[in-house]
């Protein structure tokens, strides 16, 4: 039995302004109609695998749940990390989850933010790797290199191993990101693969190796799983125990220490989409070498990546440039300098700005809102509530609100009085009133909210009841 374990943590700061702390790249649609998380789940179809376990940060839980729900893959299968502790502890949580259920599956560990164009080749490599994993080997997948890439770690292969139709190689060495001259030597030798960060092994075998080489991580994860709190579609581990766990990658904690590591070659047009230039590399281009996403016009421009989220973006005489326009930010960068986008993100943090953390459009378990306009004493939002969903029963100390329904039906409660509103109707919620909003209909509820008051921050909410477990008031 194969149990996919999808690692959906990380921030992807080099893909700012699309990728942000609360909406990192694994939850974005960068290369098609599906988000990267959704595409990772869907490429498992046909492998005869179990429903995937997704591991993500507490802050991303509702985004992950909504995206799994959209592809009908949500079934109490999201493990929440109280804080990031790298891959070795995260995989241990998944392994312990399976063992607690009386199972010992093969864990297929995948990253949620990779692009794999050749799904058939990927699945064939997984099938080949199962023979070695069933024989108690710890399999890593090595990407057949296509260039002397200095942005990846490498795996040196050793002795060839064969099991029936499967071929693998003993791992001779894991090496860090090399300089260009060294990477050229690796490429010409034919003995090195890019380190993909994907693995396959028995849950029990991984835990045994972790216990042997990093007993501190093993013990902390075991204690964290001793008290699991089921919450909606989430699996919450013991926060105090997990926060005490050391942060370590699986490479350092296990794979570089074990004698049972093997590498299975993978040639499937793989990319980790680590920058805007790598996204340009894998995207379909026009005759001028441009990649255009959204409403884009160009004149005498070539080899550019241009993304327009909300309006027209036009380029004239540009070459090898990245332009990314979102609702609240615009990035213009030389394509060979996009690795430095993370320095802009750091500047935003240092300045105390919010553009590194959150988009203008924010997802919630009940739907989403878009902050259309704001001033010193007012803010305007476009709110979307999914059918059958309800916002928390709440009140505000510093603001009043006007709601105008533009589509669908709203059930509004104000100080215990319920009112049903339809399109073109509105309601006023006074400061201090206990209120709630629900969509009782079958179509999305769309409304415009106008806030006014002395303080308009999201933390001016006192919740009295909430179906998503976000209650503050006692």
Protein backbone atom coordinates (compact mmCIF):
# COMPACT_ATOMS: atom_id res chain seq x y z
CA UNK A 1 0.00 0.00 0.00
CA UNK A 2 1.31 3.44 -0.97
CA UNK A 3 0.39 6.37 1.25
CA UNK A 4 1.31 9.68 -0.41
CA UNK A 5 2.59 12.32 2.01
CA UNK A 6 2.52 15.80 0.52
CA UNK A 7 4.68 18.45 2.14
CA UNK A 8 2.83 21.75 1.74
CA UNK A 9 4.91 24.07 3.90
CA UNK A 10 7.27 26.86 2.89
CA UNK A 11 6.82 30.45 1.75
CA UNK A 12 8.26 30.63 -1.78
CA UNK A 13 9.46 34.21 -1.32
CA UNK A 14 11.28 34.26 -4.66
CA UNK A 15 7.90 34.16 -6.41
CA UNK A 16 6.70 37.37 -4.76
CA UNK A 17 4.36 39.23 -5.33
CA UNK A 18 2.18 36.21 -6.19
CA UNK A 19 3.59 34.03 -3.43
CA UNK A 20 3.19 35.44 0.08
CA UNK A 21 3.45 34.14 3.63
CA UNK A 22 -0.27 33.38 3.90
CA UNK A 23 -0.63 32.27 0.25
CA UNK A 24 2.67 30.61 -0.75
CA UNK A 25 3.38 29.15 -4.17
CA UNK A 26 2.06 25.64 -3.46
CA UNK A 27 -1.46 27.10 -3.28
CA UNK A 28 -1.16 29.13 -6.51
CA UNK A 29 -2.14 28.33 -10.10
CA UNK A 30 1.23 28.85 -11.75
CA UNK A 31 1.21 26.26 -14.52
CA UNK A 32 -2.36 25.40 -15.46
CA UNK A 33 -5.92 25.25 -14.18
CA UNK A 34 -4.97 23.55 -10.91
CA UNK A 35 -2.98 24.90 -8.00
CA UNK A 36 0.38 23.24 -7.42
CA UNK A 37 -1.02 21.32 -4.44
CA UNK A 38 -3.98 20.12 -6.49
CA UNK A 39 -1.74 19.09 -9.39
CA UNK A 40 0.48 17.11 -7.00
CA UNK A 41 -2.54 15.20 -5.70
CA UNK A 42 -4.03 14.59 -9.14
CA UNK A 43 -0.83 13.18 -10.66
CA UNK A 44 -1.23 10.28 -8.21
CA UNK A 45 -4.34 9.09 -10.06
CA UNK A 46 -3.67 5.65 -11.49
CA UNK A 47 -1.03 4.66 -8.93
CA UNK A 48 -3.54 2.74 -6.81
CA UNK A 49 -2.46 4.79 -3.83
CA UNK A 50 -4.35 5.70 -0.68
CA UNK A 51 -5.80 9.18 -0.16
CA UNK A 52 -2.90 11.57 0.37
CA UNK A 53 -1.89 12.99 3.74
CA UNK A 54 -1.14 16.70 3.42
CA UNK A 55 1.16 18.36 5.97
CA UNK A 56 0.90 22.12 6.23
CA UNK A 57 1.26 25.04 8.60
CA UNK A 58 -1.57 26.06 10.91
CA UNK A 59 -1.90 29.39 9.06
CA UNK A 60 -2.62 27.62 5.76
CA UNK A 61 -5.16 25.10 7.02
CA UNK A 62 -8.29 26.57 5.46
CA UNK A 63 -6.64 27.24 2.10
CA UNK A 64 -5.36 23.66 1.96
CA UNK A 65 -8.75 22.27 2.98
CA UNK A 66 -10.61 24.33 0.39
CA UNK A 67 -8.27 23.27 -2.40
CA UNK A 68 -8.59 19.60 -1.48
CA UNK A 69 -12.38 20.00 -1.27
CA UNK A 70 -12.47 21.43 -4.79
CA UNK A 71 -10.93 18.23 -6.20
CA UNK A 72 -12.91 15.95 -3.85
CA UNK A 73 -9.81 14.83 -1.92
CA UNK A 74 -10.66 16.22 1.53
CA UNK A 75 -11.24 13.57 4.19
CA UNK A 76 -9.70 14.38 7.58
CA UNK A 77 -6.31 14.11 5.89
CA UNK A 78 -4.47 17.34 6.80
CA UNK A 79 -1.79 17.23 9.50
CA UNK A 80 -1.17 20.66 11.01
CA UNK A 81 2.29 21.69 12.15
CA UNK A 82 2.20 24.25 14.99
CA UNK A 83 5.46 25.59 13.52
CA UNK A 84 7.81 24.55 10.75
CA UNK A 85 10.44 22.02 11.85
CA UNK A 86 11.70 20.94 8.41
CA UNK A 87 11.10 17.64 6.65
CA UNK A 88 12.43 14.97 9.03
CA UNK A 89 9.88 15.70 11.81
CA UNK A 90 7.05 16.30 9.34
CA UNK A 91 7.56 12.89 7.72
CA UNK A 92 7.76 11.32 11.17
CA UNK A 93 4.30 12.72 11.98
CA UNK A 94 2.91 11.08 8.84
CA UNK A 95 4.62 7.77 9.60
CA UNK A 96 3.33 7.76 13.18
CA UNK A 97 -0.17 8.61 11.96
CA UNK A 98 -0.14 5.52 9.74
CA UNK A 99 1.35 3.26 12.43
CA UNK A 100 -1.30 4.40 14.95
CA UNK A 101 -3.93 3.12 12.52
CA UNK A 102 -2.31 -0.32 12.54
CA UNK A 103 -0.83 0.15 9.06
CA UNK A 104 2.70 0.11 7.70
CA UNK A 105 2.39 1.60 4.22
CA UNK A 106 5.05 2.78 1.82
CA UNK A 107 5.26 6.53 2.33
CA UNK A 108 5.58 8.37 -0.97
CA UNK A 109 6.94 11.74 0.18
CA UNK A 110 6.33 14.56 -2.29
CA UNK A 111 6.63 18.33 -2.28
CA UNK A 112 3.47 20.28 -3.11
CA UNK A 113 5.34 22.89 -5.15
CA UNK A 114 6.97 20.81 -7.90
CA UNK A 115 5.98 20.63 -11.56
CA UNK A 116 6.23 17.23 -13.26
CA UNK A 117 5.19 17.40 -16.91
CA UNK A 118 5.61 13.69 -17.74
CA UNK A 119 3.23 12.02 -15.30
CA UNK A 120 3.65 8.58 -16.90
CA UNK A 121 7.42 8.67 -16.35
CA UNK A 122 6.86 9.79 -12.76
CA UNK A 123 4.48 6.93 -12.06
CA UNK A 124 6.79 4.39 -13.71
CA UNK A 125 9.63 5.55 -11.45
CA UNK A 126 7.40 5.17 -8.39
CA UNK A 127 6.42 1.64 -9.42
CA UNK A 128 10.08 0.74 -9.93
CA UNK A 129 10.95 2.21 -6.54
CA UNK A 130 8.31 0.16 -4.69
CA UNK A 131 10.36 -3.03 -5.11
CA UNK A 132 13.31 -1.46 -3.31
CA UNK A 133 11.13 0.15 -0.63
CA UNK A 134 9.45 -3.20 0.05
CA UNK A 135 12.96 -4.65 0.46
CA UNK A 136 13.59 -2.18 3.32
CA UNK A 137 15.55 0.32 1.24
CA UNK A 138 15.09 4.07 1.67
CA UNK A 139 14.52 5.36 -1.85
CA UNK A 140 15.18 8.89 -3.03
CA UNK A 141 14.35 10.02 -6.55
CA UNK A 142 17.21 11.60 -8.46
CA UNK A 143 16.34 13.93 -11.31
CA UNK A 144 18.32 13.23 -14.49
CA UNK A 145 20.08 16.59 -14.96
CA UNK A 146 19.60 18.61 -18.13
CA UNK A 147 22.00 21.43 -17.27
CA UNK A 148 24.83 22.35 -14.90
CA UNK A 149 22.40 23.74 -12.34
CA UNK A 150 23.97 25.47 -9.33
CA UNK A 151 20.69 25.95 -7.48
CA UNK A 152 20.15 22.27 -6.61
CA UNK A 153 21.88 19.76 -4.39
CA UNK A 154 23.15 16.62 -6.11
CA UNK A 155 23.21 12.88 -5.43
CA UNK A 156 26.17 10.78 -6.57
CA UNK A 157 25.22 7.28 -7.58
CA UNK A 158 27.17 4.19 -6.60
CA UNK A 159 26.70 0.49 -7.28
CA UNK A 160 23.85 -0.49 -9.60
CA UNK A 161 21.05 -2.57 -8.05
CA UNK A 162 18.32 -4.52 -9.82
CA UNK A 163 15.14 -6.10 -8.48
CA UNK A 164 13.00 -7.73 -11.16
CA UNK A 165 12.29 -4.81 -13.54
CA UNK A 166 13.40 -2.10 -11.13
CA UNK A 167 16.78 -0.35 -11.35
CA UNK A 168 18.34 1.78 -8.63
CA UNK A 169 21.78 2.79 -7.43
CA UNK A 170 23.35 2.80 -4.02
CA UNK A 171 23.68 6.39 -2.83
CA UNK A 172 27.39 7.16 -2.77
CA UNK A 173 27.15 10.75 -1.61
CA UNK A 174 24.83 13.71 -1.09
CA UNK A 175 26.51 16.96 -2.16
CA UNK A 176 25.54 20.56 -1.55
CA UNK A 177 24.77 23.12 -4.25
CA UNK A 178 27.97 23.30 -6.32
CA UNK A 179 29.79 26.10 -8.09
CA UNK A 180 29.36 26.21 -11.88
CA UNK A 181 32.66 24.50 -12.69
CA UNK A 182 31.85 21.63 -10.33
CA UNK A 183 28.30 21.36 -11.70
CA UNK A 184 29.71 21.05 -15.23
CA UNK A 185 31.92 18.17 -14.04
CA UNK A 186 28.90 16.48 -12.44
CA UNK A 187 26.91 16.81 -15.65
CA UNK A 188 29.62 15.38 -17.89
CA UNK A 189 30.33 12.43 -15.58
CA UNK A 190 26.80 11.03 -15.78
CA UNK A 191 27.07 9.84 -12.17
CA UNK A 192 25.10 12.63 -10.52
CA UNK A 193 21.41 13.48 -10.20
CA UNK A 194 19.61 16.54 -8.92
CA UNK A 195 18.28 15.99 -5.42
CA UNK A 196 14.48 16.15 -5.87
CA UNK A 197 13.48 15.88 -2.21
CA UNK A 198 11.07 13.03 -3.05
CA UNK A 199 11.24 9.69 -1.24
CA UNK A 200 9.65 6.26 -0.88
CA UNK A 201 10.07 3.93 2.11
CA UNK A 202 8.15 1.91 4.67
CA UNK A 203 6.77 3.98 7.53
CA UNK A 204 8.28 1.58 10.09
CA UNK A 205 11.66 1.57 8.35
CA UNK A 206 11.85 5.36 8.34
CA UNK A 207 10.93 5.56 12.02
CA UNK A 208 13.54 2.92 12.89
CA UNK A 209 16.25 4.85 11.03
CA UNK A 210 15.15 8.14 12.60
CA UNK A 211 15.17 6.58 16.07
CA UNK A 212 18.69 5.25 15.47
CA UNK A 213 20.23 8.41 14.02
CA UNK A 214 18.15 11.19 15.61
CA UNK A 215 16.43 9.81 18.71
CA UNK A 216 15.69 13.38 19.88
CA UNK A 217 13.53 14.06 16.81
CA UNK A 218 11.88 10.65 17.06
CA UNK A 219 10.98 11.13 20.74
CA UNK A 220 9.61 14.64 20.24
CA UNK A 221 7.40 13.50 17.33
CA UNK A 222 6.22 10.43 19.24
CA UNK A 223 5.19 12.67 22.14
CA UNK A 224 3.51 15.11 19.76
CA UNK A 225 1.41 12.26 18.31
CA UNK A 226 0.51 10.88 21.73
CA UNK A 227 -2.18 13.53 22.11
CA UNK A 228 -3.86 14.17 18.78
CA UNK A 229 -6.79 16.55 18.60
CA UNK A 230 -9.11 15.85 15.63
CA UNK A 231 -10.62 19.11 14.39
CA UNK A 232 -12.88 19.16 11.31
CA UNK A 233 -10.64 17.84 8.52
CA UNK A 234 -7.44 18.51 10.46
CA UNK A 235 -5.15 16.43 12.65
CA UNK A 236 -3.67 18.61 15.38
CA UNK A 237 -0.60 17.33 17.20
CA UNK A 238 0.49 18.31 20.70
CA UNK A 239 1.86 21.81 20.26
CA UNK A 240 4.23 21.92 23.22
CA UNK A 241 5.85 18.60 22.33
CA UNK A 242 6.30 19.47 18.68
CA UNK A 243 7.73 22.91 19.37
CA UNK A 244 10.43 21.17 21.41
CA UNK A 245 11.44 19.11 18.36
CA UNK A 246 14.72 20.06 16.62
CA UNK A 247 14.43 21.38 13.07
CA UNK A 248 16.20 19.12 10.59
CA UNK A 249 15.84 17.95 6.99
CA UNK A 250 15.43 14.28 6.18
CA UNK A 251 18.69 14.43 4.21
CA UNK A 252 20.75 15.42 7.23
CA UNK A 253 18.77 13.45 9.81
CA UNK A 254 18.49 10.12 7.99
CA UNK A 255 19.46 9.84 4.33
CA UNK A 256 23.12 10.88 4.74
CA UNK A 257 23.56 8.53 7.71
CA UNK A 258 21.74 5.36 6.69
CA UNK A 259 23.40 2.48 4.85
CA UNK A 260 20.12 1.64 3.10
CA UNK A 261 19.74 4.71 0.84
CA UNK A 262 19.24 4.09 -2.88
CA UNK A 263 18.45 6.48 -5.70
CA UNK A 264 15.99 5.79 -8.52
CA UNK A 265 16.53 7.96 -11.61
CA UNK A 266 13.61 10.15 -12.66
CA UNK A 267 13.46 11.77 -16.10
CA UNK A 268 10.02 13.40 -16.16
CA UNK A 269 10.53 17.08 -17.09
CA UNK A 270 10.69 18.08 -13.43
CA UNK A 271 11.02 21.59 -11.99
CA UNK A 272 10.82 22.93 -8.46
CA UNK A 273 9.66 26.33 -9.84
CA UNK A 274 12.01 28.14 -7.52
CA UNK A 275 11.98 31.48 -9.34
CA UNK A 276 10.26 33.47 -12.07
CA UNK A 277 12.96 32.47 -14.55
CA UNK A 278 12.35 28.76 -13.87
CA UNK A 279 8.64 29.34 -14.41
CA UNK A 280 9.47 30.99 -17.75
CA UNK A 281 11.58 27.94 -18.62
CA UNK A 282 8.70 25.47 -18.28
CA UNK A 283 5.90 27.66 -19.68
CA UNK A 284 4.57 27.69 -23.23
CA UNK A 285 5.99 30.64 -25.16
CA UNK A 286 4.82 32.62 -28.18
CA UNK A 287 6.92 33.13 -31.33
CA UNK A 288 8.85 35.95 -29.62
CA UNK A 289 9.73 33.76 -26.65
CA UNK A 290 7.32 35.61 -24.38
CA UNK A 291 5.13 34.03 -21.72
CA UNK A 292 1.94 36.04 -21.24
CA UNK A 293 -0.53 35.36 -18.43
CA UNK A 294 -3.65 37.51 -18.26
CA UNK A 295 -4.38 40.66 -20.27
CA UNK A 296 -0.99 41.42 -21.87
CA UNK A 297 0.03 43.29 -25.02
CA UNK A 298 3.62 43.56 -26.25
CA UNK A 299 5.51 45.50 -28.92
CA UNK A 300 9.04 44.62 -30.01
CA UNK A 301 9.53 42.55 -26.84
CA UNK A 302 10.96 39.07 -26.51
CA UNK A 303 11.91 36.39 -23.99
CA UNK A 304 9.86 38.00 -21.20
CA UNK A 305 7.54 36.63 -18.52
CA UNK A 306 4.54 38.93 -18.02
CA UNK A 307 1.72 38.20 -15.55
CA UNK A 308 -1.32 40.48 -15.29
CA UNK A 309 -3.78 39.69 -12.51
CA UNK A 310 -6.34 42.48 -12.74
CA UNK A 311 -5.67 44.82 -15.66
CA UNK A 312 -3.88 45.39 -18.93
CA UNK A 313 -0.08 45.21 -18.87
CA UNK A 314 1.77 46.43 -21.97
CA UNK A 315 5.48 46.09 -22.76
CA UNK A 316 7.51 47.99 -25.36
CA UNK A 317 11.08 47.09 -26.32
CA UNK A 318 11.71 44.77 -23.37
CA UNK A 319 13.91 41.68 -23.40
CA UNK A 320 14.60 39.09 -20.70
CA UNK A 321 12.38 40.89 -18.20
CA UNK A 322 9.87 39.63 -15.62
CA UNK A 323 6.76 41.74 -14.98
CA UNK A 324 4.24 40.55 -12.39
CA UNK A 325 1.17 42.68 -11.61
CA UNK A 326 -1.18 41.86 -8.74
CA UNK A 327 -3.98 43.85 -7.13
CA UNK A 328 -1.63 45.58 -4.71
CA UNK A 329 1.92 45.25 -6.08
CA UNK A 330 3.99 45.22 -9.29
CA UNK A 331 7.35 43.51 -9.75
CA UNK A 332 9.70 44.42 -12.62
CA UNK A 333 12.97 42.47 -12.65
CA UNK A 334 15.73 41.38 -14.98
CA UNK A 335 15.22 37.67 -15.63
CA UNK A 336 18.77 36.86 -14.56
CA UNK A 337 18.28 38.68 -11.24
CA UNK A 338 15.03 37.08 -10.05
CA UNK A 339 16.83 35.14 -7.31
CA UNK A 340 17.19 38.52 -5.58
CA UNK A 341 13.43 39.05 -5.28
CA UNK A 342 13.75 37.66 -1.76
CA UNK A 343 15.70 40.81 -0.84
CA UNK A 344 12.61 42.88 -1.70
CA UNK A 345 10.57 40.62 0.56
CA UNK A 346 13.05 41.24 3.36
CA UNK A 347 12.78 45.00 2.81
CA UNK A 348 9.00 44.79 3.12
CA UNK A 349 9.41 42.95 6.43
CA UNK A 350 11.95 45.45 7.71
CA UNK A 351 9.61 48.33 6.83
CA UNK A 352 6.70 46.71 8.66
CA UNK A 353 4.59 46.50 5.51
CA UNK A 354 2.00 43.80 4.84
CA UNK A 355 2.59 43.02 1.15
CA UNK A 356 5.00 40.17 1.94
CA UNK A 357 2.46 38.44 4.15
CA UNK A 358 -0.99 38.75 2.71
CA UNK A 359 -2.79 39.42 -0.56
CA UNK A 360 -5.55 41.95 -0.97
CA UNK A 361 -7.80 38.93 -1.54
CA UNK A 362 -7.89 36.76 1.58
CA UNK A 363 -9.30 33.23 1.88
CA UNK A 364 -11.36 32.12 4.86
CA UNK A 365 -13.01 28.76 5.66
CA UNK A 366 -16.40 30.22 4.66
CA UNK A 367 -15.20 31.90 1.43
CA UNK A 368 -13.03 34.99 0.83
CA UNK A 369 -12.89 38.76 0.92
CA UNK A 370 -11.17 41.37 -1.22
CA UNK A 371 -10.24 44.74 0.30
CA UNK A 372 -11.33 47.03 -2.53
CA UNK A 373 -10.61 50.43 -0.97
CA UNK A 374 -9.65 51.95 2.35
CA UNK A 375 -9.02 55.30 3.97
CA UNK A 376 -8.34 56.67 7.43
CA UNK A 377 -11.81 55.86 8.82
CA UNK A 378 -13.35 53.53 6.25
CA UNK A 379 -12.74 50.27 4.38
CA UNK A 380 -14.67 48.61 1.56
CA UNK A 381 -14.63 44.85 1.01
CA UNK A 382 -16.12 42.46 -1.54
CA UNK A 383 -17.18 39.38 0.43
CA UNK A 384 -17.97 35.95 -1.03
CA UNK A 385 -19.65 33.30 1.16
CA UNK A 386 -19.89 29.73 -0.11
CA UNK A 387 -23.32 28.03 -0.13
CA UNK A 388 -24.25 26.68 3.30
CA UNK A 389 -21.40 28.48 5.07
CA UNK A 390 -21.62 30.89 8.00
CA UNK A 391 -19.31 33.50 9.48
CA UNK A 392 -18.77 33.49 13.23
CA UNK A 393 -21.20 35.13 15.64
CA UNK A 394 -19.18 38.23 16.51
CA UNK A 395 -19.04 41.88 17.48
CA UNK A 396 -16.69 44.84 16.98
CA UNK A 397 -15.60 47.45 19.52
CA UNK A 398 -14.46 50.11 17.07
CA UNK A 399 -16.43 49.87 13.83
CA UNK A 400 -19.90 49.74 12.34
CA UNK A 401 -20.70 48.00 9.05
CA UNK A 402 -23.08 48.30 6.10
CA UNK A 403 -23.78 45.18 4.02
CA UNK A 404 -25.21 45.37 0.48
CA UNK A 405 -26.17 42.09 -1.19
CA UNK A 406 -25.27 42.02 -4.89
CA UNK A 407 -25.88 38.30 -5.60
CA UNK A 408 -27.43 35.39 -3.75
CA UNK A 409 -29.27 35.38 -0.42
CA UNK A 410 -28.01 36.42 3.01
CA UNK A 411 -29.34 35.36 6.40
CA UNK A 412 -28.30 38.16 8.78
CA UNK A 413 -28.57 38.01 12.55
CA UNK A 414 -28.26 41.25 14.58
CA UNK A 415 -28.66 41.04 18.37
CA UNK A 416 -30.73 37.87 18.02
CA UNK A 417 -33.04 39.14 15.24
CA UNK A 418 -32.80 37.23 11.93
CA UNK A 419 -33.42 38.91 8.57
CA UNK A 420 -33.33 37.40 5.07
CA UNK A 421 -31.83 39.69 2.44
CA UNK A 422 -31.86 39.22 -1.33
CA UNK A 423 -30.12 41.00 -4.17
CA UNK A 424 -30.06 44.84 -3.93
CA UNK A 425 -31.08 44.84 -0.26
CA UNK A 426 -28.86 46.16 2.53
CA UNK A 427 -28.51 46.22 6.31
CA UNK A 428 -26.69 48.30 8.93
CA UNK A 429 -24.76 46.67 11.81
CA UNK A 430 -24.17 49.21 14.63
CA UNK A 431 -20.96 49.31 16.62
CA UNK A 432 -21.11 46.75 19.43
CA UNK A 433 -23.98 44.72 17.93
CA UNK A 434 -23.66 40.93 18.07
CA UNK A 435 -24.11 39.75 14.50
CA UNK A 436 -23.63 36.88 12.07
CA UNK A 437 -23.82 36.30 8.33
CA UNK A 438 -24.86 33.06 6.63
CA UNK A 439 -25.48 31.89 3.07
CA UNK A 440 -28.56 29.64 3.20
CA UNK A 441 -28.77 29.36 -0.59
CA UNK A 442 -27.36 27.15 -3.31
CA UNK A 443 -25.22 29.77 -5.06
CA UNK A 444 -22.37 31.93 -3.73
CA UNK A 445 -23.42 34.98 -1.72
CA UNK A 446 -21.72 38.17 -2.93
CA UNK A 447 -21.94 41.35 -0.90
CA UNK A 448 -20.20 44.68 -0.47
CA UNK A 449 -19.21 45.57 3.08
CA UNK A 450 -18.49 49.17 4.06
CA UNK A 451 -16.74 49.54 7.42
CA UNK A 452 -16.47 52.85 9.27
CA UNK A 453 -14.90 53.64 12.61
CA UNK A 454 -11.78 54.58 14.53
CA UNK A 455 -10.02 51.22 14.07
CA UNK A 456 -10.55 48.78 11.18
CA UNK A 457 -8.03 46.02 11.87
CA UNK A 458 -8.96 42.35 11.49
CA UNK A 459 -8.16 41.82 15.17
CA UNK A 460 -11.18 43.93 16.21
CA UNK A 461 -13.34 40.81 16.24
CA UNK A 462 -14.76 39.13 19.35
CA UNK A 463 -16.13 35.71 18.37
CA UNK A 464 -18.89 34.14 20.48
CA UNK A 465 -19.44 31.01 18.41
CA UNK A 466 -17.83 29.64 15.28
CA UNK A 467 -18.21 26.38 13.42
CA UNK A 468 -14.51 26.49 12.47
CA UNK A 469 -13.24 26.54 16.05
CA UNK A 470 -12.14 30.20 16.16
CA UNK A 471 -13.91 31.24 19.38
CA UNK A 472 -12.42 34.02 21.54
CA UNK A 473 -15.17 34.99 23.99
CA UNK A 474 -16.00 32.83 26.97
